[in-house]
């Protein structure tokens, strides 16, 4: 199972040079977990940058994976993390599904089951 955080979703959807880092992971829908907080963040960023049509297209791409809503169990798991709010929800979701987290967020660098890529 894999969780791709918002930073790499943006790269993938914008087809930047970093998109290749996660293309195979994102396109393996059967093992893709999408935390609802990533869904929110990506939609909002793309809406602001590219408009509603691009944001809707992005959400359709993300919905090909399993979108996981924040429930009580995930909220409590996230609350026990020292990470910032969004990061703690993403981390809790990855842990709940025993998933590898793919990210460019330095909060996760060096953590277990994390594929971290520098922004530079």
N, C-alpha and C. Protein backbone atom coordinates (compact mmCIF):
# COMPACT_ATOMS: atom_id res chain seq x y z
N UNK A 1 0.85 -1.18 0.00
CA UNK A 1 0.00 0.00 0.00
C UNK A 1 0.89 1.24 0.00
N UNK A 2 0.39 2.31 -0.61
CA UNK A 2 1.14 3.55 -0.73
C UNK A 2 0.24 4.75 -0.48
N UNK A 3 0.81 5.75 0.16
CA UNK A 3 0.19 7.05 0.33
C UNK A 3 1.11 8.07 -0.31
N UNK A 4 0.56 8.88 -1.21
CA UNK A 4 1.32 9.96 -1.83
C UNK A 4 0.80 11.24 -1.23
N UNK A 5 1.70 12.03 -0.64
CA UNK A 5 1.22 13.25 0.01
C UNK A 5 0.99 14.35 -1.03
N UNK A 6 0.42 15.44 -0.56
CA UNK A 6 0.01 16.54 -1.43
C UNK A 6 1.14 17.09 -2.28
N UNK A 7 2.32 17.20 -1.71
CA UNK A 7 3.45 17.79 -2.45
C UNK A 7 3.76 17.00 -3.72
N UNK A 8 3.75 15.69 -3.63
CA UNK A 8 4.05 14.87 -4.81
C UNK A 8 2.84 14.72 -5.72
N UNK A 9 1.64 14.79 -5.19
CA UNK A 9 0.46 14.83 -6.06
C UNK A 9 0.52 16.05 -6.97
N UNK A 10 0.86 17.20 -6.39
CA UNK A 10 0.96 18.43 -7.19
C UNK A 10 2.00 18.26 -8.29
N UNK A 11 3.14 17.70 -7.95
CA UNK A 11 4.20 17.47 -8.95
C UNK A 11 3.70 16.53 -10.05
N UNK A 12 3.04 15.46 -9.65
CA UNK A 12 2.53 14.48 -10.61
C UNK A 12 1.49 15.11 -11.54
N UNK A 13 0.54 15.81 -10.96
CA UNK A 13 -0.55 16.39 -11.75
C UNK A 13 -0.07 17.52 -12.65
N UNK A 14 0.98 18.21 -12.24
CA UNK A 14 1.55 19.28 -13.07
C UNK A 14 2.55 18.74 -14.08
N UNK A 15 2.82 17.44 -14.00
CA UNK A 15 3.75 16.76 -14.90
C UNK A 15 5.13 17.43 -14.91
N UNK A 16 5.62 17.72 -13.71
CA UNK A 16 6.96 18.30 -13.57
C UNK A 16 8.00 17.19 -13.69
N UNK A 17 9.27 17.55 -13.60
CA UNK A 17 10.33 16.54 -13.66
C UNK A 17 10.25 15.58 -12.48
N UNK A 18 9.65 15.99 -11.37
CA UNK A 18 9.50 15.11 -10.20
C UNK A 18 8.33 14.14 -10.36
N UNK A 19 7.49 14.33 -11.34
CA UNK A 19 6.34 13.45 -11.55
C UNK A 19 6.78 12.01 -11.75
N UNK A 20 7.91 11.81 -12.42
CA UNK A 20 8.40 10.46 -12.66
C UNK A 20 8.71 9.71 -11.37
N UNK A 21 8.98 10.44 -10.29
CA UNK A 21 9.29 9.80 -9.01
C UNK A 21 8.12 8.98 -8.48
N UNK A 22 6.91 9.42 -8.79
CA UNK A 22 5.73 8.76 -8.22
C UNK A 22 4.74 8.25 -9.25
N UNK A 23 5.02 8.40 -10.52
CA UNK A 23 4.06 8.01 -11.55
C UNK A 23 3.60 6.56 -11.39
N UNK A 24 4.53 5.65 -11.26
CA UNK A 24 4.16 4.23 -11.14
C UNK A 24 3.35 3.98 -9.87
N UNK A 25 3.68 4.67 -8.81
CA UNK A 25 2.97 4.51 -7.53
C UNK A 25 1.55 5.07 -7.64
N UNK A 26 1.42 6.27 -8.19
CA UNK A 26 0.10 6.90 -8.33
C UNK A 26 -0.78 6.09 -9.28
N UNK A 27 -0.19 5.54 -10.31
CA UNK A 27 -0.97 4.83 -11.32
C UNK A 27 -1.28 3.38 -10.95
N UNK A 28 -0.78 2.93 -9.80
CA UNK A 28 -1.12 1.61 -9.28
C UNK A 28 -2.30 1.79 -8.31
N UNK A 29 -3.48 1.97 -8.87
CA UNK A 29 -4.66 2.35 -8.11
C UNK A 29 -5.05 1.35 -7.03
N UNK A 30 -4.77 0.08 -7.27
CA UNK A 30 -5.17 -0.95 -6.31
C UNK A 30 -4.46 -0.81 -4.97
N UNK A 31 -3.27 -0.22 -4.98
CA UNK A 31 -2.53 -0.09 -3.72
C UNK A 31 -2.38 1.36 -3.28
N UNK A 32 -3.19 2.25 -3.86
CA UNK A 32 -3.07 3.68 -3.58
C UNK A 32 -4.12 4.13 -2.55
N UNK A 33 -3.64 4.65 -1.44
CA UNK A 33 -4.49 5.22 -0.39
C UNK A 33 -4.37 6.74 -0.47
N UNK A 34 -5.50 7.43 -0.49
CA UNK A 34 -5.51 8.89 -0.60
C UNK A 34 -6.18 9.47 0.64
N UNK A 35 -5.40 10.01 1.57
CA UNK A 35 -6.03 10.66 2.74
C UNK A 35 -6.91 11.82 2.28
N UNK A 36 -8.07 11.94 2.85
CA UNK A 36 -8.99 13.01 2.43
C UNK A 36 -8.37 14.39 2.60
N UNK A 37 -7.46 14.55 3.54
CA UNK A 37 -6.80 15.84 3.74
C UNK A 37 -5.92 16.18 2.53
N UNK A 38 -5.32 15.18 1.88
CA UNK A 38 -4.56 15.41 0.65
C UNK A 38 -5.50 15.81 -0.47
N UNK A 39 -6.63 15.14 -0.53
CA UNK A 39 -7.65 15.46 -1.53
C UNK A 39 -8.03 16.94 -1.41
N UNK A 40 -8.30 17.38 -0.19
CA UNK A 40 -8.67 18.77 0.07
C UNK A 40 -7.55 19.72 -0.34
N UNK A 41 -6.34 19.43 0.11
CA UNK A 41 -5.22 20.33 -0.12
C UNK A 41 -4.88 20.45 -1.61
N UNK A 42 -4.84 19.33 -2.31
CA UNK A 42 -4.52 19.35 -3.74
C UNK A 42 -5.60 20.08 -4.52
N UNK A 43 -6.85 19.79 -4.24
CA UNK A 43 -7.95 20.46 -4.93
C UNK A 43 -7.86 21.98 -4.73
N UNK A 44 -7.64 22.38 -3.50
CA UNK A 44 -7.59 23.81 -3.19
C UNK A 44 -6.42 24.51 -3.90
N UNK A 45 -5.26 23.88 -3.91
CA UNK A 45 -4.09 24.47 -4.57
C UNK A 45 -4.30 24.57 -6.07
N UNK A 46 -4.80 23.50 -6.67
CA UNK A 46 -5.00 23.51 -8.12
C UNK A 46 -6.13 24.46 -8.50
N UNK A 47 -7.16 24.53 -7.70
CA UNK A 47 -8.25 25.48 -7.94
C UNK A 47 -7.70 26.91 -7.99
N UNK A 48 -6.85 27.22 -7.03
CA UNK A 48 -6.26 28.57 -6.95
C UNK A 48 -5.31 28.84 -8.11
N UNK A 49 -4.53 27.84 -8.51
CA UNK A 49 -3.52 28.03 -9.56
C UNK A 49 -4.07 27.87 -10.98
N UNK A 50 -4.98 26.92 -11.16
CA UNK A 50 -5.37 26.58 -12.52
C UNK A 50 -6.85 26.63 -12.82
N UNK A 51 -7.68 26.90 -11.81
CA UNK A 51 -9.11 26.99 -12.04
C UNK A 51 -9.86 25.71 -11.71
N UNK A 52 -11.17 25.83 -11.77
CA UNK A 52 -12.04 24.74 -11.35
C UNK A 52 -11.93 23.51 -12.24
N UNK A 53 -11.83 23.68 -13.53
CA UNK A 53 -11.77 22.53 -14.42
C UNK A 53 -10.55 21.66 -14.12
N UNK A 54 -9.41 22.27 -13.92
CA UNK A 54 -8.20 21.51 -13.59
C UNK A 54 -8.31 20.88 -12.21
N UNK A 55 -8.93 21.57 -11.28
CA UNK A 55 -9.10 21.01 -9.93
C UNK A 55 -10.02 19.79 -9.97
N UNK A 56 -11.07 19.85 -10.76
CA UNK A 56 -11.98 18.71 -10.88
C UNK A 56 -11.25 17.54 -11.54
N UNK A 57 -10.45 17.80 -12.56
CA UNK A 57 -9.67 16.74 -13.20
C UNK A 57 -8.70 16.10 -12.20
N UNK A 58 -8.08 16.93 -11.37
CA UNK A 58 -7.17 16.41 -10.35
C UNK A 58 -7.92 15.52 -9.37
N UNK A 59 -9.09 15.96 -8.94
CA UNK A 59 -9.85 15.16 -7.98
C UNK A 59 -10.28 13.84 -8.58
N UNK A 60 -10.60 13.83 -9.87
CA UNK A 60 -10.97 12.58 -10.54
C UNK A 60 -9.78 11.61 -10.57
N UNK A 61 -8.59 12.14 -10.81
CA UNK A 61 -7.39 11.30 -10.80
C UNK A 61 -7.15 10.72 -9.40
N UNK A 62 -7.31 11.55 -8.39
CA UNK A 62 -7.06 11.09 -7.02
C UNK A 62 -8.10 10.07 -6.56
N UNK A 63 -9.33 10.19 -7.05
CA UNK A 63 -10.40 9.27 -6.66
C UNK A 63 -10.22 7.86 -7.23
N UNK A 64 -9.25 7.69 -8.10
CA UNK A 64 -8.99 6.35 -8.62
C UNK A 64 -8.36 5.46 -7.54
N UNK A 65 -7.71 6.11 -6.55
CA UNK A 65 -7.23 5.38 -5.39
C UNK A 65 -8.34 5.28 -4.36
N UNK A 66 -8.04 4.71 -3.22
CA UNK A 66 -9.01 4.61 -2.13
C UNK A 66 -8.91 5.86 -1.27
N UNK A 67 -9.91 6.74 -1.36
CA UNK A 67 -9.93 7.95 -0.54
C UNK A 67 -10.37 7.57 0.87
N UNK A 68 -9.55 7.93 1.86
CA UNK A 68 -9.81 7.58 3.25
C UNK A 68 -10.17 8.84 4.02
N UNK A 69 -11.37 8.85 4.56
CA UNK A 69 -11.84 9.99 5.35
C UNK A 69 -11.24 9.96 6.75
N UNK A 70 -11.13 11.12 7.32
CA UNK A 70 -10.67 11.24 8.71
C UNK A 70 -11.81 10.83 9.63
N UNK A 71 -11.61 9.76 10.36
CA UNK A 71 -12.60 9.33 11.33
C UNK A 71 -12.02 9.45 12.74
N UNK A 72 -12.75 9.00 13.73
CA UNK A 72 -12.32 9.14 15.12
C UNK A 72 -11.00 8.42 15.38
N UNK A 73 -10.87 7.21 14.85
CA UNK A 73 -9.66 6.43 15.07
C UNK A 73 -8.43 7.11 14.47
N UNK A 74 -8.55 7.58 13.24
CA UNK A 74 -7.42 8.27 12.62
C UNK A 74 -7.13 9.60 13.33
N UNK A 75 -8.17 10.28 13.75
CA UNK A 75 -7.98 11.55 14.45
C UNK A 75 -7.20 11.35 15.75
N UNK A 76 -7.53 10.32 16.49
CA UNK A 76 -6.81 10.05 17.74
C UNK A 76 -5.38 9.62 17.47
N UNK A 77 -5.19 8.82 16.44
CA UNK A 77 -3.83 8.41 16.07
C UNK A 77 -3.01 9.63 15.66
N UNK A 78 -3.61 10.53 14.89
CA UNK A 78 -2.92 11.75 14.47
C UNK A 78 -2.62 12.67 15.65
N UNK A 79 -3.54 12.72 16.59
CA UNK A 79 -3.36 13.59 17.76
C UNK A 79 -2.16 13.19 18.60
N UNK A 80 -1.76 11.94 18.53
CA UNK A 80 -0.61 11.47 19.29
C UNK A 80 0.72 11.73 18.60
N UNK A 81 0.68 12.37 17.46
CA UNK A 81 1.89 12.66 16.69
C UNK A 81 2.38 14.07 17.01
N UNK A 82 3.68 14.25 16.97
CA UNK A 82 4.26 15.58 17.17
C UNK A 82 4.31 16.37 15.87
N UNK A 83 3.87 15.78 14.78
CA UNK A 83 3.88 16.44 13.48
C UNK A 83 2.82 17.54 13.42
N UNK A 84 2.99 18.51 12.51
CA UNK A 84 1.92 19.50 12.29
C UNK A 84 0.63 18.81 11.86
N UNK A 85 -0.49 19.51 11.97
CA UNK A 85 -1.82 18.92 11.79
C UNK A 85 -1.97 18.12 10.50
N UNK A 86 -1.78 18.75 9.33
CA UNK A 86 -1.97 18.04 8.07
C UNK A 86 -1.03 16.83 8.00
N UNK A 87 0.22 17.04 8.36
CA UNK A 87 1.21 15.96 8.30
C UNK A 87 0.83 14.81 9.23
N UNK A 88 0.31 15.14 10.41
CA UNK A 88 -0.05 14.08 11.36
C UNK A 88 -1.21 13.23 10.84
N UNK A 89 -2.14 13.84 10.11
CA UNK A 89 -3.26 13.08 9.54
C UNK A 89 -2.77 12.18 8.41
N UNK A 90 -1.89 12.70 7.58
CA UNK A 90 -1.32 11.89 6.49
C UNK A 90 -0.53 10.73 7.07
N UNK A 91 0.29 11.00 8.08
CA UNK A 91 1.11 9.97 8.72
C UNK A 91 0.22 8.90 9.37
N UNK A 92 -0.81 9.33 10.08
CA UNK A 92 -1.72 8.39 10.74
C UNK A 92 -2.42 7.50 9.72
N UNK A 93 -2.79 8.07 8.59
CA UNK A 93 -3.44 7.28 7.54
C UNK A 93 -2.47 6.25 6.97
N UNK A 94 -1.25 6.67 6.69
CA UNK A 94 -0.25 5.73 6.17
C UNK A 94 -0.01 4.60 7.17
N UNK A 95 0.10 4.93 8.43
CA UNK A 95 0.32 3.90 9.46
C UNK A 95 -0.86 2.94 9.57
N UNK A 96 -2.07 3.48 9.50
CA UNK A 96 -3.27 2.65 9.63
C UNK A 96 -3.36 1.60 8.52
N UNK A 97 -2.81 1.93 7.37
CA UNK A 97 -2.85 1.01 6.23
C UNK A 97 -1.51 0.32 5.98
N UNK A 98 -0.58 0.48 6.92
CA UNK A 98 0.76 -0.08 6.78
C UNK A 98 1.35 0.27 5.42
N UNK A 99 1.16 1.52 5.03
CA UNK A 99 1.55 1.99 3.71
C UNK A 99 2.88 2.73 3.75
N UNK A 100 3.53 2.73 2.62
CA UNK A 100 4.72 3.56 2.43
C UNK A 100 4.24 4.96 2.07
N UNK A 101 4.81 5.96 2.72
CA UNK A 101 4.46 7.35 2.45
C UNK A 101 5.48 7.96 1.50
N UNK A 102 5.01 8.50 0.40
CA UNK A 102 5.84 9.17 -0.61
C UNK A 102 5.65 10.67 -0.42
N UNK A 103 6.76 11.40 -0.24
CA UNK A 103 6.63 12.81 0.14
C UNK A 103 7.86 13.64 -0.22
N UNK A 104 7.63 14.94 -0.29
CA UNK A 104 8.72 15.92 -0.36
C UNK A 104 8.70 16.80 0.88
N UNK A 105 7.90 16.44 1.85
CA UNK A 105 7.75 17.21 3.09
C UNK A 105 8.85 16.79 4.06
N UNK A 106 9.71 17.72 4.41
CA UNK A 106 10.87 17.41 5.26
C UNK A 106 10.48 16.94 6.66
N UNK A 107 9.24 17.15 7.08
CA UNK A 107 8.80 16.63 8.38
C UNK A 107 8.95 15.12 8.46
N UNK A 108 8.87 14.47 7.31
CA UNK A 108 8.89 13.01 7.26
C UNK A 108 10.26 12.41 6.98
N UNK A 109 11.24 13.24 6.68
CA UNK A 109 12.58 12.74 6.33
C UNK A 109 13.13 11.87 7.46
N UNK A 110 13.59 10.67 7.09
CA UNK A 110 14.19 9.77 8.06
C UNK A 110 13.23 8.90 8.83
N UNK A 111 11.93 9.07 8.61
CA UNK A 111 10.95 8.26 9.33
C UNK A 111 10.80 6.90 8.63
N UNK A 112 10.39 5.88 9.37
CA UNK A 112 10.24 4.55 8.76
C UNK A 112 9.12 4.52 7.72
N UNK A 113 9.30 3.69 6.70
CA UNK A 113 8.33 3.51 5.62
C UNK A 113 8.01 4.82 4.91
N UNK A 114 9.02 5.67 4.75
CA UNK A 114 8.86 6.94 4.05
C UNK A 114 9.84 6.98 2.88
N UNK A 115 9.32 7.34 1.72
CA UNK A 115 10.16 7.61 0.55
C UNK A 115 10.19 9.13 0.43
N UNK A 116 11.25 9.74 0.94
CA UNK A 116 11.39 11.19 0.98
C UNK A 116 12.25 11.65 -0.19
N UNK A 117 11.78 12.70 -0.87
CA UNK A 117 12.51 13.32 -1.97
C UNK A 117 12.66 14.80 -1.65
N UNK A 118 13.86 15.30 -1.75
CA UNK A 118 14.12 16.71 -1.49
C UNK A 118 13.41 17.58 -2.54
N UNK A 119 12.98 18.75 -2.13
CA UNK A 119 12.34 19.68 -3.06
C UNK A 119 13.31 20.25 -4.07
N UNK A 120 14.59 20.20 -3.76
CA UNK A 120 15.59 20.76 -4.68
C UNK A 120 16.13 19.72 -5.64
